[in-house]
Amino acid sequence: MSARVLGDVVARERRSERVGLRVDATDRAYSYRDFCTTAWKAGHALSHLGVHPGSRVALAPDPAPQPLLTLFGAACLGARVTFDTTADARAVLVPAGAEADIETRPSRKVVVYGDTPTDPSAVHWEQVVWSENPAMPPGERGDDEVVLEGDGRALAHRTVLTAAERVDREMGLDADATVALRAPLTDPRAVVAGVIAPLIAGGTVVLPAGDEVDADVTVVATEDGNGDGSATYHVADVPM
């Protein structure tokens, strides 16, 4: 596909029954229809929490569906996304087990996923997202707007998508590709190669079960139908 901004990855015409995200730890799969619709809902939920164009949204660097879906929801709103939960942000998303680690501030909302938050001022991700409007958030985004931050970088939509498209070409990714994310989301290059590139290609992002993170070398592995790694892509090779 050709995408101008990150929200185009979850555009209405991209909805299908093909699997866009597979979570091996929970044996859960999201079709492109489910992925797009839930990302839209996450965007609406963020807007109700005061997130607007230019706001920062901090996501836990957890290889789980909720942060990835919220990434695209925030992008639809024109927000800046970081996978650093210590950053100054309008909203911060963390798993239930990490809620106590986040300092409460009047200027931001804490959003918790995986279980009901213990702090009554925090928001339960699953509850608010599932009740939201299943329509893409309105508004036009510019491809020069910053959408992803991390590792000292502030990356515009154009930069992120150009890099993802090059990864697709170099890896030969297409709709039959299955790409396993194995690098920490705190590195924007891992987000580009392990999440955005396979989705642009129409393939499947896999969140492997177990502790399979390689922070130094491997970003993603293209797999065959049996899940055996057939190729790797290294973080240093992401063209950004």
C-alpha atoms as a PDB file:
ATOM      1  CA  MET A   1       0.000   0.000   0.000  1.00  0.00           C
ATOM      2  CA  SER A   2       0.976   3.633  -0.358  1.00  0.00           C
ATOM      3  CA  ALA A   3       0.568   5.580   2.891  1.00  0.00           C
ATOM      4  CA  ARG A   4       1.033   9.327   3.400  1.00  0.00           C
ATOM      5  CA  VAL A   5       0.498   9.337   7.178  1.00  0.00           C
ATOM      6  CA  LEU A   6       0.446   6.575   9.765  1.00  0.00           C
ATOM      7  CA  GLY A   7      -3.333   6.689  10.062  1.00  0.00           C
ATOM      8  CA  ASP A   8      -3.548   5.438   6.462  1.00  0.00           C
ATOM      9  CA  VAL A   9      -2.325   2.060   7.719  1.00  0.00           C
ATOM     10  CA  VAL A  10      -5.656   1.656   9.547  1.00  0.00           C
ATOM     11  CA  ALA A  11      -7.814   3.327   6.872  1.00  0.00           C
ATOM     12  CA  ARG A  12     -11.315   1.977   6.248  1.00  0.00           C
ATOM     13  CA  GLU A  13     -10.378   0.286   2.984  1.00  0.00           C
ATOM     14  CA  ARG A  14      -7.698  -1.758   4.754  1.00  0.00           C
ATOM     15  CA  ARG A  15     -10.251  -3.732   6.748  1.00  0.00           C
ATOM     16  CA  SER A  16     -10.337  -7.412   5.845  1.00  0.00           C
ATOM     17  CA  GLU A  17     -10.440 -10.806   7.514  1.00  0.00           C
ATOM     18  CA  ARG A  18      -6.704 -11.356   6.978  1.00  0.00           C
ATOM     19  CA  VAL A  19      -4.746 -11.620  10.217  1.00  0.00           C
ATOM     20  CA  GLY A  20      -2.892  -8.398  10.983  1.00  0.00           C
ATOM     21  CA  LEU A  21      -1.690  -9.182  14.507  1.00  0.00           C
ATOM     22  CA  ARG A  22      -1.027 -12.529  16.192  1.00  0.00           C
ATOM     23  CA  VAL A  23      -0.268 -12.829  19.897  1.00  0.00           C
ATOM     24  CA  ASP A  24       1.329 -16.191  20.591  1.00  0.00           C
ATOM     25  CA  ALA A  25       1.282 -15.874  24.389  1.00  0.00           C
ATOM     26  CA  THR A  26      -2.513 -15.687  24.461  1.00  0.00           C
ATOM     27  CA  ASP A  27      -3.257 -17.537  21.213  1.00  0.00           C
ATOM     28  CA  ARG A  28      -5.155 -14.451  20.045  1.00  0.00           C
ATOM     29  CA  ALA A  29      -5.349 -13.068  16.522  1.00  0.00           C
ATOM     30  CA  TYR A  30      -6.694  -9.746  15.239  1.00  0.00           C
ATOM     31  CA  SER A  31      -7.946  -9.462  11.692  1.00  0.00           C
ATOM     32  CA  TYR A  32      -7.219  -6.251   9.819  1.00  0.00           C
ATOM     33  CA  ARG A  33     -10.892  -5.421  10.381  1.00  0.00           C
ATOM     34  CA  ASP A  34     -10.533  -5.824  14.151  1.00  0.00           C
ATOM     35  CA  PHE A  35      -7.160  -4.080  14.238  1.00  0.00           C
ATOM     36  CA  CYS A  36      -8.350  -1.011  12.321  1.00  0.00           C
ATOM     37  CA  THR A  37     -11.634  -0.697  14.208  1.00  0.00           C
ATOM     38  CA  THR A  38      -9.999  -1.052  17.628  1.00  0.00           C
ATOM     39  CA  ALA A  39      -7.307   1.482  16.735  1.00  0.00           C
ATOM     40  CA  TRP A  40     -10.051   3.955  15.796  1.00  0.00           C
ATOM     41  CA  LYS A  41     -11.783   3.321  19.127  1.00  0.00           C
ATOM     42  CA  ALA A  42      -8.517   3.843  20.982  1.00  0.00           C
ATOM     43  CA  GLY A  43      -8.144   7.183  19.194  1.00  0.00           C
ATOM     44  CA  HIS A  44     -11.613   8.301  20.262  1.00  0.00           C
ATOM     45  CA  ALA A  45     -10.889   7.231  23.846  1.00  0.00           C
ATOM     46  CA  LEU A  46      -7.689   9.284  23.863  1.00  0.00           C
ATOM     47  CA  SER A  47      -9.503  12.331  22.524  1.00  0.00           C
ATOM     48  CA  HIS A  48     -11.922  12.147  25.462  1.00  0.00           C
ATOM     49  CA  LEU A  49      -8.888  12.195  27.758  1.00  0.00           C
ATOM     50  CA  GLY A  50      -7.700  15.479  26.286  1.00  0.00           C
ATOM     51  CA  VAL A  51      -5.288  14.186  23.655  1.00  0.00           C
ATOM     52  CA  HIS A  52      -5.238  16.501  20.629  1.00  0.00           C
ATOM     53  CA  PRO A  53      -2.885  17.208  17.709  1.00  0.00           C
ATOM     54  CA  GLY A  54       0.576  17.776  19.108  1.00  0.00           C
ATOM     55  CA  SER A  55      -0.120  16.062  22.442  1.00  0.00           C
ATOM     56  CA  ARG A  56       2.263  13.374  23.614  1.00  0.00           C
ATOM     57  CA  VAL A  57       1.025   9.869  24.426  1.00  0.00           C
ATOM     58  CA  ALA A  58       3.374   7.569  26.354  1.00  0.00           C
ATOM     59  CA  LEU A  59       2.934   3.830  25.864  1.00  0.00           C
ATOM     60  CA  ALA A  60       4.436   0.975  27.837  1.00  0.00           C
ATOM     61  CA  PRO A  61       7.080  -0.780  25.685  1.00  0.00           C
ATOM     62  CA  ASP A  62       5.140  -3.979  26.229  1.00  0.00           C
ATOM     63  CA  PRO A  63       4.795  -6.370  23.261  1.00  0.00           C
ATOM     64  CA  ALA A  64       1.036  -6.537  23.688  1.00  0.00           C
ATOM     65  CA  PRO A  65      -1.940  -5.560  21.514  1.00  0.00           C
ATOM     66  CA  GLN A  66      -3.033  -2.577  23.600  1.00  0.00           C
ATOM     67  CA  PRO A  67       0.088  -0.407  23.092  1.00  0.00           C
ATOM     68  CA  LEU A  68       0.223  -1.201  19.365  1.00  0.00           C
ATOM     69  CA  LEU A  69      -3.456  -0.443  18.824  1.00  0.00           C
ATOM     70  CA  THR A  70      -3.122   2.779  20.829  1.00  0.00           C
ATOM     71  CA  LEU A  71      -0.096   3.779  18.728  1.00  0.00           C
ATOM     72  CA  PHE A  72      -2.269   3.935  15.627  1.00  0.00           C
ATOM     73  CA  GLY A  73      -5.193   5.514  17.467  1.00  0.00           C
ATOM     74  CA  ALA A  74      -2.921   8.291  18.722  1.00  0.00           C
ATOM     75  CA  ALA A  75      -1.457   8.746  15.233  1.00  0.00           C
ATOM     76  CA  CYS A  76      -4.956   9.263  13.828  1.00  0.00           C
ATOM     77  CA  LEU A  77      -5.375  12.148  16.281  1.00  0.00           C
ATOM     78  CA  GLY A  78      -2.086  13.777  15.336  1.00  0.00           C
ATOM     79  CA  ALA A  79      -0.451  12.965  18.665  1.00  0.00           C
ATOM     80  CA  ARG A  80       3.220  12.234  19.263  1.00  0.00           C
ATOM     81  CA  VAL A  81       3.857   8.718  20.551  1.00  0.00           C
ATOM     82  CA  THR A  82       6.720   7.559  22.732  1.00  0.00           C
ATOM     83  CA  PHE A  83       7.322   4.173  24.322  1.00  0.00           C
ATOM     84  CA  ASP A  84       8.886   5.868  27.351  1.00  0.00           C
ATOM     85  CA  THR A  85       6.362   6.043  30.200  1.00  0.00           C
ATOM     86  CA  THR A  86       8.573   8.476  32.139  1.00  0.00           C
ATOM     87  CA  ALA A  87       8.076  11.121  29.451  1.00  0.00           C
ATOM     88  CA  ASP A  88       5.895  14.164  30.031  1.00  0.00           C
ATOM     89  CA  ALA A  89       2.654  13.132  28.319  1.00  0.00           C
ATOM     90  CA  ARG A  90      -1.036  13.928  28.270  1.00  0.00           C
ATOM     91  CA  ALA A  91      -1.868  10.219  28.591  1.00  0.00           C
ATOM     92  CA  VAL A  92       0.251   7.263  29.653  1.00  0.00           C
ATOM     93  CA  LEU A  93      -0.734   3.646  28.975  1.00  0.00           C
ATOM     94  CA  VAL A  94       0.618   0.862  31.202  1.00  0.00           C
ATOM     95  CA  PRO A  95      -0.273  -2.732  32.101  1.00  0.00           C
ATOM     96  CA  ALA A  96      -2.122  -3.231  35.365  1.00  0.00           C
ATOM     97  CA  GLY A  97       1.008  -4.513  37.105  1.00  0.00           C
ATOM     98  CA  ALA A  98       2.868  -1.264  36.404  1.00  0.00           C
ATOM     99  CA  GLU A  99       0.155   1.167  37.502  1.00  0.00           C
ATOM    100  CA  ALA A 100       1.812   1.849  40.864  1.00  0.00           C
ATOM    101  CA  ASP A 101       5.039   2.865  39.106  1.00  0.00           C
ATOM    102  CA  ILE A 102       3.413   5.839  37.372  1.00  0.00           C
ATOM    103  CA  GLU A 103       3.372   9.102  39.279  1.00  0.00           C
ATOM    104  CA  THR A 104      -0.042  10.729  39.386  1.00  0.00           C
ATOM    105  CA  ARG A 105      -0.106  14.217  37.886  1.00  0.00           C
ATOM    106  CA  PRO A 106      -3.048  16.567  37.349  1.00  0.00           C
ATOM    107  CA  SER A 107      -1.902  17.238  33.784  1.00  0.00           C
ATOM    108  CA  ARG A 108      -2.103  13.662  32.530  1.00  0.00           C
ATOM    109  CA  LYS A 109      -4.339  10.630  32.521  1.00  0.00           C
ATOM    110  CA  VAL A 110      -3.139   7.172  33.455  1.00  0.00           C
ATOM    111  CA  VAL A 111      -4.705   4.424  31.354  1.00  0.00           C
ATOM    112  CA  VAL A 112      -4.410   0.821  32.512  1.00  0.00           C
ATOM    113  CA  TYR A 113      -4.899  -2.340  30.469  1.00  0.00           C
ATOM    114  CA  GLY A 114      -5.136  -6.009  31.339  1.00  0.00           C
ATOM    115  CA  ASP A 115      -7.112  -5.524  34.553  1.00  0.00           C
ATOM    116  CA  THR A 116      -9.184  -2.923  36.386  1.00  0.00           C
ATOM    117  CA  PRO A 117      -7.019  -0.091  37.771  1.00  0.00           C
ATOM    118  CA  THR A 118      -6.720   0.229  41.530  1.00  0.00           C
ATOM    119  CA  ASP A 119      -6.683   4.049  41.454  1.00  0.00           C
ATOM    120  CA  PRO A 120     -10.211   5.371  40.797  1.00  0.00           C
ATOM    121  CA  SER A 121      -8.748   8.310  38.855  1.00  0.00           C
ATOM    122  CA  ALA A 122      -7.107   5.954  36.333  1.00  0.00           C
ATOM    123  CA  VAL A 123      -8.901   4.771  33.196  1.00  0.00           C
ATOM    124  CA  HIS A 124      -9.519   1.129  32.283  1.00  0.00           C
ATOM    125  CA  TRP A 125      -8.400   0.730  28.640  1.00  0.00           C
ATOM    126  CA  GLU A 126     -10.597  -2.226  27.782  1.00  0.00           C
ATOM    127  CA  GLN A 127     -13.703  -0.617  29.238  1.00  0.00           C
ATOM    128  CA  VAL A 128     -13.398   2.744  27.498  1.00  0.00           C
ATOM    129  CA  VAL A 129     -12.128   1.426  24.153  1.00  0.00           C
ATOM    130  CA  TRP A 130     -14.769  -1.233  23.600  1.00  0.00           C
ATOM    131  CA  SER A 131     -17.545   1.297  24.250  1.00  0.00           C
ATOM    132  CA  GLU A 132     -16.219   3.851  21.753  1.00  0.00           C
ATOM    133  CA  ASN A 133     -17.457   4.731  18.278  1.00  0.00           C
ATOM    134  CA  PRO A 134     -16.174   2.256  15.636  1.00  0.00           C
ATOM    135  CA  ALA A 135     -15.364   5.005  13.127  1.00  0.00           C
ATOM    136  CA  MET A 136     -12.063   6.552  12.156  1.00  0.00           C
ATOM    137  CA  PRO A 137     -11.356   9.743  14.142  1.00  0.00           C
ATOM    138  CA  PRO A 138     -11.866  12.860  12.034  1.00  0.00           C
ATOM    139  CA  GLY A 139      -9.160  15.290  11.020  1.00  0.00           C
ATOM    140  CA  GLU A 140      -6.392  15.676   8.458  1.00  0.00           C
ATOM    141  CA  ARG A 141      -2.797  15.022   9.398  1.00  0.00           C
ATOM    142  CA  GLY A 142       0.293  16.436   7.710  1.00  0.00           C
ATOM    143  CA  ASP A 143       3.067  14.072   6.697  1.00  0.00           C
ATOM    144  CA  ASP A 144       5.627  16.455   8.209  1.00  0.00           C
ATOM    145  CA  GLU A 145       4.059  16.252  11.681  1.00  0.00           C
ATOM    146  CA  VAL A 146       6.001  14.342  14.341  1.00  0.00           C
ATOM    147  CA  VAL A 147       4.359  10.997  15.116  1.00  0.00           C
ATOM    148  CA  LEU A 148       7.027   8.866  16.838  1.00  0.00           C
ATOM    149  CA  GLU A 149       9.610   9.810  19.452  1.00  0.00           C
ATOM    150  CA  GLY A 150      12.363   7.821  21.103  1.00  0.00           C
ATOM    151  CA  ASP A 151      16.094   7.336  21.397  1.00  0.00           C
ATOM    152  CA  GLY A 152      16.561  11.083  21.003  1.00  0.00           C
ATOM    153  CA  ARG A 153      14.618  11.137  17.730  1.00  0.00           C
ATOM    154  CA  ALA A 154      11.472  13.016  16.755  1.00  0.00           C
ATOM    155  CA  LEU A 155      10.216  11.351  13.577  1.00  0.00           C
ATOM    156  CA  ALA A 156       7.594  12.674  11.175  1.00  0.00           C
ATOM    157  CA  HIS A 157       5.004  10.496   9.431  1.00  0.00           C
ATOM    158  CA  ARG A 158       6.946  10.832   6.163  1.00  0.00           C
ATOM    159  CA  THR A 159      10.202   9.644   7.735  1.00  0.00           C
ATOM    160  CA  VAL A 160       8.610   6.673   9.469  1.00  0.00           C
ATOM    161  CA  LEU A 161       6.685   5.499   6.408  1.00  0.00           C
ATOM    162  CA  THR A 162       9.578   5.969   3.993  1.00  0.00           C
ATOM    163  CA  ALA A 163      11.765   3.825   6.254  1.00  0.00           C
ATOM    164  CA  ALA A 164       9.042   1.171   6.600  1.00  0.00           C
ATOM    165  CA  GLU A 165       8.571   0.989   2.836  1.00  0.00           C
ATOM    166  CA  ARG A 166      12.292   0.499   2.348  1.00  0.00           C
ATOM    167  CA  VAL A 167      12.282  -2.320   4.916  1.00  0.00           C
ATOM    168  CA  ASP A 168       9.452  -3.922   2.925  1.00  0.00           C
ATOM    169  CA  ARG A 169      11.506  -3.763  -0.264  1.00  0.00           C
ATOM    170  CA  GLU A 170      14.702  -5.015   1.323  1.00  0.00           C
ATOM    171  CA  MET A 171      12.956  -7.871   3.143  1.00  0.00           C
ATOM    172  CA  GLY A 172      10.599  -8.649   0.278  1.00  0.00           C
ATOM    173  CA  LEU A 173       7.586  -8.374   2.582  1.00  0.00           C
ATOM    174  CA  ASP A 174       4.138  -8.885   1.129  1.00  0.00           C
ATOM    175  CA  ALA A 175       0.687 -10.002   2.265  1.00  0.00           C
ATOM    176  CA  ASP A 176       1.990 -13.528   2.907  1.00  0.00           C
ATOM    177  CA  ALA A 177       4.762 -12.365   5.240  1.00  0.00           C
ATOM    178  CA  THR A 178       4.696 -13.139   8.941  1.00  0.00           C
ATOM    179  CA  VAL A 179       7.024 -10.883  10.921  1.00  0.00           C
ATOM    180  CA  ALA A 180       7.964 -11.546  14.523  1.00  0.00           C
ATOM    181  CA  LEU A 181       8.794  -8.494  16.634  1.00  0.00           C
ATOM    182  CA  ARG A 182      11.847  -9.321  18.749  1.00  0.00           C
ATOM    183  CA  ALA A 183      13.333  -5.940  19.658  1.00  0.00           C
ATOM    184  CA  PRO A 184      12.298  -3.440  22.344  1.00  0.00           C
ATOM    185  CA  LEU A 185       9.679  -0.913  21.312  1.00  0.00           C
ATOM    186  CA  THR A 186      11.693   1.817  23.028  1.00  0.00           C
ATOM    187  CA  ASP A 187      13.747   1.910  19.816  1.00  0.00           C
ATOM    188  CA  PRO A 188      11.713   3.608  17.046  1.00  0.00           C
ATOM    189  CA  ARG A 189      13.533   1.493  14.474  1.00  0.00           C
ATOM    190  CA  ALA A 190      12.015  -1.627  16.031  1.00  0.00           C
ATOM    191  CA  VAL A 191       8.553  -0.062  15.734  1.00  0.00           C
ATOM    192  CA  VAL A 192       9.191   0.744  12.082  1.00  0.00           C
ATOM    193  CA  ALA A 193      10.583  -2.650  11.079  1.00  0.00           C
ATOM    194  CA  GLY A 194       8.636  -4.896  13.411  1.00  0.00           C
ATOM    195  CA  VAL A 195       5.197  -3.271  13.323  1.00  0.00           C
ATOM    196  CA  ILE A 196       4.679  -0.638  10.638  1.00  0.00           C
ATOM    197  CA  ALA A 197       6.535  -2.343   7.760  1.00  0.00           C
ATOM    198  CA  PRO A 198       4.629  -5.650   7.883  1.00  0.00           C
ATOM    199  CA  LEU A 199       1.286  -3.874   8.252  1.00  0.00           C
ATOM    200  CA  ILE A 200       1.988  -1.677   5.227  1.00  0.00           C
ATOM    201  CA  ALA A 201       2.779  -4.841   3.288  1.00  0.00           C
ATOM    202  CA  GLY A 202      -0.516  -6.386   4.365  1.00  0.00           C
ATOM    203  CA  GLY A 203       1.278  -9.098   6.317  1.00  0.00           C
ATOM    204  CA  THR A 204       1.033 -10.270   9.916  1.00  0.00           C
ATOM    205  CA  VAL A 205       2.811  -8.871  12.968  1.00  0.00           C
ATOM    206  CA  VAL A 206       3.592 -11.600  15.507  1.00  0.00           C
ATOM    207  CA  LEU A 207       4.198 -10.975  19.194  1.00  0.00           C
ATOM    208  CA  PRO A 208       6.109 -14.132  20.167  1.00  0.00           C
ATOM    209  CA  ALA A 209       5.559 -15.902  23.468  1.00  0.00           C
ATOM    210  CA  GLY A 210       8.345 -15.944  26.029  1.00  0.00           C
ATOM    211  CA  ASP A 211      11.423 -13.797  26.488  1.00  0.00           C
ATOM    212  CA  GLU A 212      12.649 -13.485  22.929  1.00  0.00           C
ATOM    213  CA  VAL A 213      13.925  -9.905  22.924  1.00  0.00           C
ATOM    214  CA  ASP A 214      17.270  -9.195  21.291  1.00  0.00           C
ATOM    215  CA  ALA A 215      18.059  -5.588  22.078  1.00  0.00           C
ATOM    216  CA  ASP A 216      21.312  -5.478  20.161  1.00  0.00           C
ATOM    217  CA  VAL A 217      20.846  -7.226  16.852  1.00  0.00           C
ATOM    218  CA  THR A 218      17.651  -8.864  15.630  1.00  0.00           C
ATOM    219  CA  VAL A 219      14.598  -6.706  15.091  1.00  0.00           C
ATOM    220  CA  VAL A 220      12.295  -9.003  13.206  1.00  0.00           C
ATOM    221  CA  ALA A 221      12.295 -12.430  11.652  1.00  0.00           C
ATOM    222  CA  THR A 222      10.259 -13.358   8.621  1.00  0.00           C
ATOM    223  CA  GLU A 223       8.726 -16.741   9.252  1.00  0.00           C
ATOM    224  CA  ASP A 224       7.280 -19.509   7.135  1.00  0.00           C
ATOM    225  CA  GLY A 225       4.019 -21.259   7.881  1.00  0.00           C
ATOM    226  CA  ASN A 226       5.685 -23.407  10.552  1.00  0.00           C
ATOM    227  CA  GLY A 227       7.030 -20.424  12.430  1.00  0.00           C
ATOM    228  CA  ASP A 228      10.658 -21.205  11.588  1.00  0.00           C
ATOM    229  CA  GLY A 229      12.815 -18.112  11.121  1.00  0.00           C
ATOM    230  CA  SER A 230      13.912 -17.717   7.523  1.00  0.00           C
ATOM    231  CA  ALA A 231      15.393 -14.220   7.586  1.00  0.00           C
ATOM    232  CA  THR A 232      16.315 -11.496  10.020  1.00  0.00           C
ATOM    233  CA  TYR A 233      16.515  -7.725   9.922  1.00  0.00           C
ATOM    234  CA  HIS A 234      18.888  -5.820  12.152  1.00  0.00           C
ATOM    235  CA  VAL A 235      18.146  -2.639  14.039  1.00  0.00           C
ATOM    236  CA  ALA A 236      21.183  -0.878  12.604  1.00  0.00           C
ATOM    237  CA  ASP A 237      19.899  -1.516   9.087  1.00  0.00           C
ATOM    238  CA  VAL A 238      16.634   0.386   9.480  1.00  0.00           C
ATOM    239  CA  PRO A 239      17.094   3.359   7.115  1.00  0.00           C
ATOM    240  CA  MET A 240      16.456   6.306   9.444  1.00  0.00           C
END
